[in-house]
Amino acid sequence: MIKLVTVTNEKLITQSHLVSNLKLQTNTLNNIILQKDSQLQTSAEMSKDLQSALKKANRQKKLYQIGSAIGAAAILLQVIK
């Protein structure tokens, strides 16, 4: 009878350790999910910022092209006169 109680207590302790281990794993996985969500949000913000910077750079490029064409036309007009 005493041996049965001892074996039962050992099994209970083992199950308690398993439950604790599973809870720890669950918490670790939840933390990983939170970190990944944060990384995705940061990535989306960076992508949005890069898109804005690209549009701004393209607008500046277009303005420089127009300005160069106007400058070239002005020089050509001066040469023709």
N, C-alpha and C. Protein backbone atom coordinates (compact mmCIF):
# COMPACT_ATOMS: atom_id res chain seq x y z
N MET A 1 0.83 -1.20 0.00
CA MET A 1 0.00 0.00 0.00
C MET A 1 0.86 1.26 0.00
N ILE A 2 1.92 1.25 0.82
CA ILE A 2 2.81 2.40 0.89
C ILE A 2 3.52 2.60 -0.45
N LYS A 3 3.91 1.50 -1.08
CA LYS A 3 4.58 1.58 -2.37
C LYS A 3 3.64 2.18 -3.42
N LEU A 4 2.38 1.84 -3.38
CA LEU A 4 1.39 2.38 -4.32
C LEU A 4 1.25 3.89 -4.13
N VAL A 5 1.23 4.33 -2.89
CA VAL A 5 1.13 5.76 -2.60
C VAL A 5 2.40 6.48 -3.09
N THR A 6 3.54 5.87 -2.89
CA THR A 6 4.80 6.47 -3.33
C THR A 6 4.84 6.60 -4.85
N VAL A 7 4.45 5.55 -5.54
CA VAL A 7 4.43 5.57 -7.01
C VAL A 7 3.43 6.61 -7.50
N THR A 8 2.29 6.67 -6.86
CA THR A 8 1.26 7.65 -7.24
C THR A 8 1.78 9.08 -7.03
N ASN A 9 2.45 9.31 -5.92
CA ASN A 9 3.02 10.64 -5.65
C ASN A 9 4.10 11.00 -6.66
N GLU A 10 4.92 10.03 -7.05
CA GLU A 10 5.95 10.29 -8.06
C GLU A 10 5.33 10.63 -9.41
N LYS A 11 4.26 9.92 -9.73
CA LYS A 11 3.55 10.23 -10.99
C LYS A 11 2.94 11.62 -10.94
N LEU A 12 2.40 11.98 -9.79
CA LEU A 12 1.80 13.30 -9.63
C LEU A 12 2.86 14.40 -9.76
N ILE A 13 4.01 14.17 -9.18
CA ILE A 13 5.11 15.13 -9.28
C ILE A 13 5.56 15.26 -10.73
N THR A 14 5.67 14.12 -11.42
CA THR A 14 6.07 14.13 -12.82
C THR A 14 5.05 14.90 -13.66
N GLN A 15 3.78 14.67 -13.41
CA GLN A 15 2.73 15.39 -14.15
C GLN A 15 2.77 16.88 -13.85
N SER A 16 3.05 17.23 -12.61
CA SER A 16 3.15 18.64 -12.25
C SER A 16 4.31 19.29 -13.00
N HIS A 17 5.44 18.59 -13.11
CA HIS A 17 6.58 19.11 -13.86
C HIS A 17 6.22 19.27 -15.34
N LEU A 18 5.51 18.28 -15.86
CA LEU A 18 5.11 18.37 -17.27
C LEU A 18 4.18 19.55 -17.51
N VAL A 19 3.24 19.75 -16.61
CA VAL A 19 2.30 20.87 -16.75
C VAL A 19 3.06 22.20 -16.67
N SER A 20 3.99 22.29 -15.73
CA SER A 20 4.80 23.52 -15.61
C SER A 20 5.61 23.76 -16.87
N ASN A 21 6.19 22.71 -17.40
CA ASN A 21 6.97 22.82 -18.62
C ASN A 21 6.09 23.27 -19.79
N LEU A 22 4.92 22.71 -19.90
CA LEU A 22 4.01 23.09 -20.98
C LEU A 22 3.55 24.54 -20.84
N LYS A 23 3.31 24.98 -19.62
CA LYS A 23 2.94 26.38 -19.40
C LYS A 23 4.08 27.31 -19.80
N LEU A 24 5.29 26.92 -19.45
CA LEU A 24 6.45 27.72 -19.83
C LEU A 24 6.60 27.78 -21.35
N GLN A 25 6.41 26.66 -22.01
CA GLN A 25 6.48 26.64 -23.48
C GLN A 25 5.39 27.52 -24.09
N THR A 26 4.20 27.46 -23.52
CA THR A 26 3.10 28.29 -24.02
C THR A 26 3.43 29.77 -23.87
N ASN A 27 3.97 30.14 -22.72
CA ASN A 27 4.35 31.54 -22.50
C ASN A 27 5.45 31.96 -23.46
N THR A 28 6.41 31.09 -23.69
CA THR A 28 7.50 31.40 -24.62
C THR A 28 6.95 31.59 -26.03
N LEU A 29 6.07 30.72 -26.46
CA LEU A 29 5.49 30.85 -27.80
C LEU A 29 4.63 32.12 -27.93
N ASN A 30 3.91 32.46 -26.88
CA ASN A 30 3.12 33.69 -26.90
C ASN A 30 4.03 34.91 -27.01
N ASN A 31 5.17 34.88 -26.31
CA ASN A 31 6.12 35.99 -26.42
C ASN A 31 6.71 36.08 -27.82
N ILE A 32 6.97 34.93 -28.43
CA ILE A 32 7.49 34.92 -29.80
C ILE A 32 6.45 35.52 -30.76
N ILE A 33 5.20 35.16 -30.56
CA ILE A 33 4.13 35.70 -31.41
C ILE A 33 4.04 37.22 -31.27
N LEU A 34 4.15 37.71 -30.03
CA LEU A 34 4.11 39.16 -29.82
C LEU A 34 5.29 39.85 -30.49
N GLN A 35 6.47 39.25 -30.40
CA GLN A 35 7.65 39.83 -31.05
C GLN A 35 7.48 39.84 -32.57
N LYS A 36 6.96 38.78 -33.12
CA LYS A 36 6.77 38.72 -34.58
C LYS A 36 5.72 39.74 -35.02
N ASP A 37 4.66 39.90 -34.24
CA ASP A 37 3.66 40.92 -34.57
C ASP A 37 4.30 42.30 -34.58
N SER A 38 5.14 42.55 -33.59
CA SER A 38 5.83 43.83 -33.52
C SER A 38 6.76 44.02 -34.71
N GLN A 39 7.46 42.96 -35.09
CA GLN A 39 8.34 43.04 -36.26
C GLN A 39 7.56 43.30 -37.53
N LEU A 40 6.41 42.67 -37.67
CA LEU A 40 5.58 42.90 -38.85
C LEU A 40 5.09 44.34 -38.91
N GLN A 41 4.70 44.87 -37.77
CA GLN A 41 4.23 46.25 -37.72
C GLN A 41 5.37 47.21 -38.08
N THR A 42 6.55 46.97 -37.53
CA THR A 42 7.70 47.81 -37.85
C THR A 42 8.05 47.72 -39.33
N SER A 43 7.99 46.52 -39.88
CA SER A 43 8.29 46.32 -41.30
C SER A 43 7.28 47.07 -42.17
N ALA A 44 6.03 47.03 -41.79
CA ALA A 44 4.99 47.74 -42.56
C ALA A 44 5.23 49.25 -42.50
N GLU A 45 5.60 49.75 -41.33
CA GLU A 45 5.87 51.19 -41.20
C GLU A 45 7.08 51.59 -42.03
N MET A 46 8.12 50.75 -42.00
CA MET A 46 9.31 51.04 -42.79
C MET A 46 9.00 51.01 -44.29
N SER A 47 8.18 50.08 -44.70
CA SER A 47 7.79 49.99 -46.11
C SER A 47 7.03 51.25 -46.53
N LYS A 48 6.14 51.69 -45.67
CA LYS A 48 5.36 52.91 -45.96
C LYS A 48 6.29 54.12 -46.06
N ASP A 49 7.26 54.21 -45.14
CA ASP A 49 8.21 55.32 -45.18
C ASP A 49 9.07 55.27 -46.44
N LEU A 50 9.48 54.07 -46.82
CA LEU A 50 10.29 53.94 -48.04
C LEU A 50 9.49 54.30 -49.28
N GLN A 51 8.22 53.94 -49.31
CA GLN A 51 7.36 54.31 -50.45
C GLN A 51 7.26 55.83 -50.56
N SER A 52 7.08 56.48 -49.41
CA SER A 52 7.00 57.95 -49.41
C SER A 52 8.30 58.57 -49.90
N ALA A 53 9.42 58.04 -49.43
CA ALA A 53 10.72 58.57 -49.85
C ALA A 53 10.94 58.35 -51.34
N LEU A 54 10.52 57.20 -51.85
CA LEU A 54 10.66 56.92 -53.28
C LEU A 54 9.82 57.88 -54.11
N LYS A 55 8.59 58.13 -53.68
CA LYS A 55 7.74 59.08 -54.42
C LYS A 55 8.35 60.47 -54.42
N LYS A 56 8.89 60.88 -53.27
CA LYS A 56 9.52 62.20 -53.17
C LYS A 56 10.73 62.28 -54.10
N ALA A 57 11.55 61.23 -54.11
CA ALA A 57 12.74 61.21 -54.97
C ALA A 57 12.33 61.25 -56.44
N ASN A 58 11.27 60.53 -56.79
CA ASN A 58 10.81 60.53 -58.19
C ASN A 58 10.29 61.91 -58.60
N ARG A 59 9.60 62.60 -57.68
CA ARG A 59 9.13 63.96 -57.98
C ARG A 59 10.31 64.91 -58.20
N GLN A 60 11.33 64.79 -57.33
CA GLN A 60 12.51 65.65 -57.48
C GLN A 60 13.22 65.35 -58.79
N LYS A 61 13.32 64.10 -59.14
CA LYS A 61 13.98 63.72 -60.40
C LYS A 61 13.24 64.34 -61.58
N LYS A 62 11.91 64.25 -61.53
CA LYS A 62 11.10 64.81 -62.62
C LYS A 62 11.30 66.33 -62.71
N LEU A 63 11.34 67.00 -61.54
CA LEU A 63 11.56 68.45 -61.55
C LEU A 63 12.93 68.81 -62.12
N TYR A 64 13.95 68.04 -61.77
CA TYR A 64 15.29 68.28 -62.32
C TYR A 64 15.31 68.06 -63.83
N GLN A 65 14.59 67.05 -64.29
CA GLN A 65 14.53 66.80 -65.73
C GLN A 65 13.86 67.96 -66.45
N ILE A 66 12.76 68.44 -65.88
CA ILE A 66 12.05 69.58 -66.49
C ILE A 66 12.93 70.82 -66.46
N GLY A 67 13.59 71.04 -65.32
CA GLY A 67 14.47 72.20 -65.20
C GLY A 67 15.64 72.12 -66.17
N SER A 68 16.18 70.94 -66.36
CA SER A 68 17.28 70.77 -67.32
C SER A 68 16.81 71.04 -68.74
N ALA A 69 15.62 70.57 -69.07
CA ALA A 69 15.07 70.81 -70.41
C ALA A 69 14.84 72.29 -70.64
N ILE A 70 14.31 72.97 -69.62
CA ILE A 70 14.08 74.42 -69.75
C ILE A 70 15.41 75.15 -69.88
N GLY A 71 16.40 74.73 -69.09
CA GLY A 71 17.74 75.36 -69.17
C GLY A 71 18.36 75.14 -70.52
N ALA A 72 18.24 73.92 -71.04
CA ALA A 72 18.79 73.63 -72.36
C ALA A 72 18.09 74.45 -73.43
N ALA A 73 16.79 74.60 -73.31
CA ALA A 73 16.04 75.41 -74.28
C ALA A 73 16.45 76.87 -74.19
N ALA A 74 16.67 77.35 -72.97
CA ALA A 74 17.08 78.75 -72.81
C ALA A 74 18.46 78.98 -73.42
N ILE A 75 19.37 78.05 -73.21
CA ILE A 75 20.71 78.18 -73.80
C ILE A 75 20.62 78.12 -75.32
N LEU A 76 19.80 77.23 -75.82
CA LEU A 76 19.63 77.12 -77.27
C LEU A 76 19.07 78.42 -77.85
N LEU A 77 18.11 79.02 -77.16
CA LEU A 77 17.55 80.30 -77.62
C LEU A 77 18.62 81.39 -77.60
N GLN A 78 19.46 81.38 -76.59
CA GLN A 78 20.53 82.40 -76.53
C GLN A 78 21.54 82.21 -77.66
N VAL A 79 21.82 80.92 -77.98
CA VAL A 79 22.76 80.64 -79.05
C VAL A 79 22.18 81.06 -80.40
N ILE A 80 20.87 80.83 -80.57
CA ILE A 80 20.21 81.15 -81.84
C ILE A 80 20.17 82.67 -82.05
N LYS A 81 19.98 83.45 -80.98
CA LYS A 81 19.90 84.90 -81.10
C LYS A 81 21.20 85.41 -81.47
